[in-house]
């Protein structure tokens, strides 16, 4: 099996076959997680498959209940990035306009939203051009916010990088702050909360009361924003390549 590929197995829970992705680690107990990718199981390194599946059978009610809850959730909208498409950008709509030609992407802003102007050569992927422009602009915007909050705390702002993670909005180390590019599909307040959270880690590399006090200092109302982030994060649209739809 190629490196990085998580094996998918199948177990029968009651009368229902259930697929699950299995990983082994140094942990001492079995951990179960259900999300948009289905059931994921993390087990101790030497635990046998028989014991793992017995554990799943013992927790079948929990597994099936959470799988059903995820299945009933509204699916995020899919937006094909092409001429005339509109996607959310920092809390406002952004329309894509495509012309034939060769030049860098251009952005126009007014009180109603934004326009992303793309000039693409014949045969060039509009989706790739749009995603490149979105990523570049998001990185520029995020970096400004990181420098602002770092200045408020009197710390040095590290480089800012984009991630494509599915389950994390950001991370922080001494070397870099990494922020999920999908944050640009949210409104500015939620971006500010995530940035404040990561910059606060430059003071406290943990989630202690002292850390949360710093977050609240940088972003008053952090607790409410944290709750809203979980809700909004589940409803973000998927930006799609129209040729792959």
Protein backbone atom coordinates (compact mmCIF):
# COMPACT_ATOMS: atom_id res chain seq x y z
CA UNK A 1 0.00 0.00 0.00
CA UNK A 2 1.43 3.47 -0.92
CA UNK A 3 2.80 5.58 1.92
CA UNK A 4 0.21 7.87 3.53
CA UNK A 5 -2.80 5.83 2.37
CA UNK A 6 -5.07 4.81 5.27
CA UNK A 7 -6.55 1.32 4.77
CA UNK A 8 -10.34 1.14 4.66
CA UNK A 9 -11.96 -1.94 6.20
CA UNK A 10 -15.49 -3.13 6.69
CA UNK A 11 -17.22 -4.49 9.78
CA UNK A 12 -20.81 -5.56 10.38
CA UNK A 13 -22.48 -3.71 13.25
CA UNK A 14 -25.75 -5.46 13.90
CA UNK A 15 -27.29 -5.91 10.45
CA UNK A 16 -25.41 -3.01 8.90
CA UNK A 17 -22.03 -3.10 7.11
CA UNK A 18 -19.86 -0.13 8.07
CA UNK A 19 -16.62 0.99 6.45
CA UNK A 20 -13.90 2.53 8.57
CA UNK A 21 -10.38 3.91 8.12
CA UNK A 22 -7.90 2.33 10.52
CA UNK A 23 -4.62 3.79 11.76
CA UNK A 24 -2.27 2.53 14.48
CA UNK A 25 -0.31 4.77 16.82
CA UNK A 26 1.41 4.80 20.19
CA UNK A 27 -1.82 5.60 21.97
CA UNK A 28 -3.01 3.24 24.74
CA UNK A 29 -6.72 3.18 23.93
CA UNK A 30 -8.97 3.05 20.87
CA UNK A 31 -10.28 6.39 19.61
CA UNK A 32 -13.31 6.74 17.34
CA UNK A 33 -14.13 9.74 15.19
CA UNK A 34 -16.98 10.34 12.76
CA UNK A 35 -16.88 13.23 10.31
CA UNK A 36 -17.55 13.94 6.64
CA UNK A 37 -15.08 11.21 5.70
CA UNK A 38 -16.94 8.56 7.68
CA UNK A 39 -15.73 6.49 10.63
CA UNK A 40 -12.06 6.72 11.57
CA UNK A 41 -10.45 4.44 14.11
CA UNK A 42 -7.10 4.99 15.82
CA UNK A 43 -5.84 1.98 17.76
CA UNK A 44 -2.77 1.03 19.80
CA UNK A 45 0.12 -0.26 17.72
CA UNK A 46 -0.13 -3.92 18.72
CA UNK A 47 -3.90 -4.27 19.07
CA UNK A 48 -5.22 -7.05 16.85
CA UNK A 49 -7.90 -6.47 14.23
CA UNK A 50 -10.15 -8.91 16.11
CA UNK A 51 -9.97 -6.81 19.29
CA UNK A 52 -10.51 -3.60 17.35
CA UNK A 53 -13.66 -4.92 15.69
CA UNK A 54 -14.93 -6.29 19.00
CA UNK A 55 -14.54 -2.74 20.37
CA UNK A 56 -16.56 -1.40 17.43
CA UNK A 57 -19.30 -3.97 18.05
CA UNK A 58 -19.45 -2.94 21.71
CA UNK A 59 -19.84 0.70 20.68
CA UNK A 60 -22.13 0.04 17.71
CA UNK A 61 -24.93 2.28 19.02
CA UNK A 62 -22.56 5.26 19.28
CA UNK A 63 -21.03 4.64 15.84
CA UNK A 64 -24.35 4.21 14.02
CA UNK A 65 -25.93 7.20 15.77
CA UNK A 66 -23.07 9.50 14.76
CA UNK A 67 -22.91 8.16 11.20
CA UNK A 68 -26.64 8.80 10.81
CA UNK A 69 -26.30 12.30 12.27
CA UNK A 70 -23.60 13.16 9.73
CA UNK A 71 -25.65 11.68 6.88
CA UNK A 72 -28.60 13.93 7.80
CA UNK A 73 -26.56 17.15 7.81
CA UNK A 74 -27.10 19.52 4.89
CA UNK A 75 -24.39 19.11 2.28
CA UNK A 76 -22.26 22.18 1.53
CA UNK A 77 -22.98 23.80 -1.80
CA UNK A 78 -20.62 23.16 -4.70
CA UNK A 79 -19.51 26.17 -6.75
CA UNK A 80 -17.90 25.61 -10.13
CA UNK A 81 -15.24 28.29 -10.67
CA UNK A 82 -16.03 29.59 -14.14
CA UNK A 83 -17.09 32.80 -15.86
CA UNK A 84 -20.04 34.35 -14.04
CA UNK A 85 -19.74 32.19 -10.91
CA UNK A 86 -19.99 33.83 -7.51
CA UNK A 87 -18.34 32.62 -4.31
CA UNK A 88 -18.10 34.08 -0.78
CA UNK A 89 -15.07 36.24 -0.11
CA UNK A 90 -14.43 37.75 3.35
CA UNK A 91 -18.14 37.92 4.04
CA UNK A 92 -19.18 39.35 0.66
CA UNK A 93 -19.91 37.85 -2.76
CA UNK A 94 -17.14 37.74 -5.35
CA UNK A 95 -17.94 37.28 -9.04
CA UNK A 96 -15.54 35.73 -11.54
CA UNK A 97 -15.11 37.38 -14.94
CA UNK A 98 -13.00 35.63 -17.55
CA UNK A 99 -11.51 37.11 -20.70
CA UNK A 100 -9.10 35.66 -23.21
CA UNK A 101 -5.54 36.85 -22.82
CA UNK A 102 -2.42 36.58 -20.70
CA UNK A 103 -1.95 38.71 -17.61
CA UNK A 104 -2.06 38.52 -13.83
CA UNK A 105 -5.38 38.26 -12.04
CA UNK A 106 -6.94 41.54 -10.96
CA UNK A 107 -9.35 42.25 -8.12
CA UNK A 108 -11.95 45.00 -7.96
CA UNK A 109 -13.78 45.91 -4.77
CA UNK A 110 -16.79 48.06 -3.95
CA UNK A 111 -19.44 48.25 -1.24
CA UNK A 112 -21.34 45.26 -2.66
CA UNK A 113 -18.45 42.82 -2.92
CA UNK A 114 -15.62 41.95 -5.27
CA UNK A 115 -14.85 40.92 -8.82
CA UNK A 116 -12.01 38.59 -9.71
CA UNK A 117 -10.82 39.34 -13.25
CA UNK A 118 -9.02 36.47 -14.96
CA UNK A 119 -7.39 36.54 -18.37
CA UNK A 120 -6.79 33.01 -19.55
CA UNK A 121 -5.19 31.69 -22.71
CA UNK A 122 -7.19 29.26 -24.81
CA UNK A 123 -7.17 25.88 -23.11
CA UNK A 124 -5.95 27.27 -19.79
CA UNK A 125 -7.83 26.06 -16.72
CA UNK A 126 -10.02 28.81 -15.27
CA UNK A 127 -10.27 26.81 -12.05
CA UNK A 128 -6.50 26.69 -11.57
CA UNK A 129 -6.13 30.37 -12.38
CA UNK A 130 -8.91 31.26 -9.94
CA UNK A 131 -7.52 29.09 -7.14
CA UNK A 132 -4.05 30.56 -7.62
CA UNK A 133 -5.45 34.09 -7.38
CA UNK A 134 -7.61 33.23 -4.37
CA UNK A 135 -4.68 31.65 -2.54
CA UNK A 136 -2.35 34.56 -3.23
CA UNK A 137 -4.87 37.16 -2.09
CA UNK A 138 -5.85 35.13 0.99
CA UNK A 139 -2.21 34.78 2.02
CA UNK A 140 -1.69 38.52 1.68
CA UNK A 141 -4.79 39.25 3.77
CA UNK A 142 -3.93 36.71 6.47
CA UNK A 143 -0.35 37.97 6.78
CA UNK A 144 -1.58 41.51 7.44
CA UNK A 145 -3.83 40.25 10.23
CA UNK A 146 -1.05 38.16 11.78
CA UNK A 147 1.35 41.13 11.81
CA UNK A 148 -1.34 43.33 13.36
CA UNK A 149 -2.06 40.92 16.23
CA UNK A 150 1.61 40.13 16.78
CA UNK A 151 2.26 43.84 17.16
CA UNK A 152 -0.55 44.07 19.73
CA UNK A 153 1.15 41.36 21.80
CA UNK A 154 4.66 42.68 21.28
CA UNK A 155 5.86 39.46 19.64
CA UNK A 156 7.64 38.83 16.34
CA UNK A 157 5.30 37.63 13.61
CA UNK A 158 6.62 34.46 11.94
CA UNK A 159 6.04 33.72 8.24
CA UNK A 160 2.48 32.87 7.26
CA UNK A 161 1.74 29.81 5.11
CA UNK A 162 -1.47 28.39 3.67
CA UNK A 163 -2.75 24.89 4.36
CA UNK A 164 -5.36 22.70 2.74
CA UNK A 165 -6.23 20.78 5.91
CA UNK A 166 -9.74 19.39 6.19
CA UNK A 167 -10.13 19.52 9.96
CA UNK A 168 -7.86 22.32 11.24
CA UNK A 169 -8.20 26.05 10.65
CA UNK A 170 -4.69 26.91 11.77
CA UNK A 171 -1.55 25.93 13.60
CA UNK A 172 1.40 27.77 15.10
CA UNK A 173 5.06 27.02 15.67
CA UNK A 174 8.13 29.15 16.19
CA UNK A 175 8.82 28.81 12.46
CA UNK A 176 5.45 29.66 10.94
CA UNK A 177 1.76 30.25 11.39
CA UNK A 178 -0.26 28.08 9.03
CA UNK A 179 -3.80 29.10 8.14
CA UNK A 180 -6.39 27.23 6.14
CA UNK A 181 -7.05 28.97 2.82
CA UNK A 182 -10.80 28.24 3.26
CA UNK A 183 -10.92 30.91 5.95
CA UNK A 184 -11.20 33.43 3.12
CA UNK A 185 -14.69 32.03 2.45
CA UNK A 186 -15.77 33.22 5.92
CA UNK A 187 -16.49 36.71 7.18
CA UNK A 188 -13.71 38.89 8.58
CA UNK A 189 -14.69 38.42 12.23
CA UNK A 190 -14.11 34.67 12.14
CA UNK A 191 -10.80 35.09 10.32
CA UNK A 192 -9.76 37.53 13.02
CA UNK A 193 -10.66 35.00 15.71
CA UNK A 194 -8.58 32.21 14.13
CA UNK A 195 -5.65 34.58 13.63
CA UNK A 196 -5.87 35.77 17.25
CA UNK A 197 -5.94 32.14 18.40
CA UNK A 198 -2.78 31.23 16.49
CA UNK A 199 -0.90 34.42 17.36
CA UNK A 200 -1.71 33.86 21.04
CA UNK A 201 0.24 30.60 20.77
CA UNK A 202 3.37 32.71 20.32
CA UNK A 203 2.91 33.51 24.01
CA UNK A 204 1.57 30.15 25.21
CA UNK A 205 2.08 26.94 23.21
CA UNK A 206 -0.84 25.24 24.97
CA UNK A 207 -4.54 25.78 25.68
CA UNK A 208 -4.15 26.81 29.30
CA UNK A 209 -6.30 29.50 30.99
CA UNK A 210 -3.40 31.91 30.40
CA UNK A 211 -3.58 31.17 26.67
CA UNK A 212 -7.32 31.79 26.48
CA UNK A 213 -6.87 35.03 28.41
CA UNK A 214 -4.46 36.21 25.70
CA UNK A 215 -6.91 35.20 22.96
CA UNK A 216 -9.69 37.12 24.70
CA UNK A 217 -7.40 40.14 25.05
CA UNK A 218 -6.65 40.16 21.32
CA UNK A 219 -10.17 39.18 20.26
CA UNK A 220 -12.90 40.03 22.80
CA UNK A 221 -15.78 37.57 22.42
CA UNK A 222 -13.50 34.67 21.50
CA UNK A 223 -15.73 32.08 23.17
CA UNK A 224 -18.74 33.01 21.04
CA UNK A 225 -16.61 33.12 17.90
CA UNK A 226 -15.25 29.66 18.64
CA UNK A 227 -18.79 28.25 18.76
CA UNK A 228 -19.81 30.05 15.56
CA UNK A 229 -16.68 28.83 13.76
CA UNK A 230 -17.75 25.21 14.27
CA UNK A 231 -21.14 25.93 12.71
CA UNK A 232 -19.92 28.04 9.80
CA UNK A 233 -17.07 25.66 9.05
CA UNK A 234 -19.52 22.86 8.25
CA UNK A 235 -21.40 24.95 5.70
CA UNK A 236 -18.58 26.39 3.59
CA UNK A 237 -19.06 25.73 -0.11
CA UNK A 238 -16.72 23.51 -2.10
CA UNK A 239 -14.96 25.36 -4.90
CA UNK A 240 -14.93 22.94 -7.81
CA UNK A 241 -13.30 22.53 -11.19
CA UNK A 242 -16.22 22.67 -13.67
CA UNK A 243 -14.46 20.11 -15.84
CA UNK A 244 -14.46 17.65 -12.94
CA UNK A 245 -18.10 18.13 -11.90
